[in-house]
Amino acid sequence: QLQASGGGLVQAGGSLRLSCVASGLSFDDYAIGWFRQVPGKVREAVACIAKDGATYYADSVKGRFTISRDYAKNTAYLQMNSLKLEDTAVYYCNARTILYEYWGQGTKLTVSS
């Protein structure tokens, strides 16, 4: 299971950190991703971190968001800085291997002007 948390209301330009706690799976074996979705739009990948720590970022968040993982805590994080209105969405964490994939329940971020 994946438990995402940390969403909330923040002003534009502010920062927030999302957390994704994994349980019941071998965290070390999974690539972890953060995705986001707004109503009426397709869920999009925001950032991903591989088993070996390699990272990927969507162009829209490069230089502002940082994904990381703590293997000891079975937790992945998404540090979000310089938030923009267009970052408003429900954020989901995802864990995947070649064979398995899990989604967290989503945590909502609202960026206000």
Protein backbone atom coordinates (compact mmCIF):
# COMPACT_ATOMS: atom_id res chain seq x y z
CA GLN A 1 0.00 0.00 0.00
CA LEU A 2 0.99 3.59 -0.55
CA GLN A 3 -0.08 6.41 1.73
CA ALA A 4 0.39 9.90 0.33
CA SER A 5 0.18 12.97 2.51
CA GLY A 6 1.32 16.55 2.80
CA GLY A 7 -1.03 18.35 0.47
CA GLY A 8 -2.75 21.54 1.43
CA LEU A 9 -3.26 25.18 0.60
CA VAL A 10 -0.20 27.29 -0.14
CA GLN A 11 0.39 30.67 -1.70
CA ALA A 12 2.10 31.01 -5.03
CA GLY A 13 5.84 31.09 -4.55
CA GLY A 14 5.62 28.94 -1.47
CA SER A 15 6.89 25.45 -0.73
CA LEU A 16 5.43 22.17 0.38
CA ARG A 17 6.66 18.63 0.77
CA LEU A 18 4.63 15.57 -0.07
CA SER A 19 5.33 12.19 1.47
CA CYS A 20 4.52 8.71 0.27
CA VAL A 21 4.88 5.88 2.77
CA ALA A 22 5.01 2.37 1.38
CA SER A 23 3.98 -0.72 3.29
CA GLY A 24 3.59 -4.35 2.37
CA LEU A 25 6.01 -4.19 -0.51
CA SER A 26 9.75 -4.36 -0.99
CA PHE A 27 10.30 -0.64 -1.27
CA ASP A 28 13.85 -1.01 -2.50
CA ASP A 29 12.69 -2.93 -5.56
CA TYR A 30 10.28 -0.29 -6.78
CA ALA A 31 10.61 2.82 -8.86
CA ILE A 32 8.57 5.59 -7.25
CA GLY A 33 6.73 8.26 -9.14
CA TRP A 34 4.64 11.30 -8.37
CA PHE A 35 1.79 12.08 -10.72
CA ARG A 36 -0.84 14.77 -10.67
CA GLN A 37 -4.27 15.24 -12.08
CA VAL A 38 -6.73 18.07 -12.44
CA PRO A 39 -10.39 17.49 -13.24
CA GLY A 40 -10.97 16.83 -16.90
CA LYS A 41 -7.33 16.23 -17.69
CA VAL A 42 -5.14 13.18 -18.02
CA ARG A 43 -3.00 12.23 -15.07
CA GLU A 44 0.54 13.34 -15.78
CA ALA A 45 3.91 12.28 -14.48
CA VAL A 46 5.65 14.90 -12.39
CA ALA A 47 8.77 13.17 -11.15
CA CYS A 48 10.11 9.67 -10.79
CA ILE A 49 12.99 8.09 -8.95
CA ALA A 50 14.40 4.72 -9.87
CA LYS A 51 15.67 1.99 -7.57
CA ASP A 52 19.19 3.30 -8.02
CA GLY A 53 18.19 6.89 -7.32
CA ALA A 54 18.14 8.13 -10.89
CA THR A 55 15.52 10.83 -11.31
CA TYR A 56 13.23 12.17 -13.98
CA TYR A 57 11.28 15.41 -13.95
CA ALA A 58 8.60 16.84 -16.16
CA ASP A 59 9.75 20.00 -17.88
CA SER A 60 7.10 21.99 -16.06
CA VAL A 61 8.65 21.27 -12.65
CA LYS A 62 12.37 21.05 -13.40
CA GLY A 63 14.37 23.23 -11.08
CA ARG A 64 11.45 23.63 -8.69
CA PHE A 65 10.57 20.10 -7.53
CA THR A 66 12.88 17.49 -6.06
CA ILE A 67 12.01 13.83 -5.64
CA SER A 68 13.85 11.74 -3.10
CA ARG A 69 13.49 8.50 -1.21
CA ASP A 70 14.47 7.23 2.21
CA TYR A 71 15.02 3.49 2.02
CA ALA A 72 15.16 3.12 5.80
CA LYS A 73 11.73 4.71 6.18
CA ASN A 74 10.14 3.22 3.05
CA THR A 75 9.17 6.74 2.15
CA ALA A 76 9.43 8.90 -0.93
CA TYR A 77 9.18 12.66 -0.93
CA LEU A 78 8.38 15.40 -3.36
CA GLN A 79 9.78 18.74 -2.31
CA MET A 80 7.96 21.47 -4.18
CA ASN A 81 9.36 24.99 -4.26
CA SER A 82 8.35 28.14 -6.11
CA LEU A 83 4.84 26.81 -6.46
CA LYS A 84 2.66 28.16 -9.22
CA LEU A 85 -1.08 28.33 -9.65
CA GLU A 86 -0.84 25.67 -12.33
CA ASP A 87 0.63 23.22 -9.84
CA THR A 88 -2.81 22.93 -8.28
CA ALA A 89 -3.87 19.29 -8.61
CA VAL A 90 -4.37 16.05 -6.78
CA TYR A 91 -0.99 14.40 -6.42
CA TYR A 92 -0.62 10.64 -6.46
CA CYS A 93 2.35 8.48 -5.67
CA ASN A 94 3.04 5.36 -7.65
CA ALA A 95 5.28 2.40 -7.10
CA ARG A 96 6.11 0.07 -9.91
CA THR A 97 8.26 -2.77 -11.09
CA ILE A 98 8.04 -4.68 -14.33
CA LEU A 99 5.40 -6.93 -12.79
CA TYR A 100 3.58 -4.82 -10.22
CA GLU A 101 2.16 -1.34 -9.82
CA TYR A 102 0.52 0.41 -6.90
CA TRP A 103 -1.13 3.79 -6.48
CA GLY A 104 -1.62 5.88 -3.41
CA GLN A 105 -4.91 7.58 -2.65
CA GLY A 106 -3.92 11.09 -3.68
CA THR A 107 -3.30 14.26 -1.76
CA LYS A 108 -4.64 17.61 -2.90
CA LEU A 109 -2.50 20.66 -3.44
CA THR A 110 -4.09 24.04 -3.97
CA VAL A 111 -1.89 26.98 -4.86
CA SER A 112 -3.51 30.36 -4.33
CA SER A 113 -2.56 33.78 -5.65
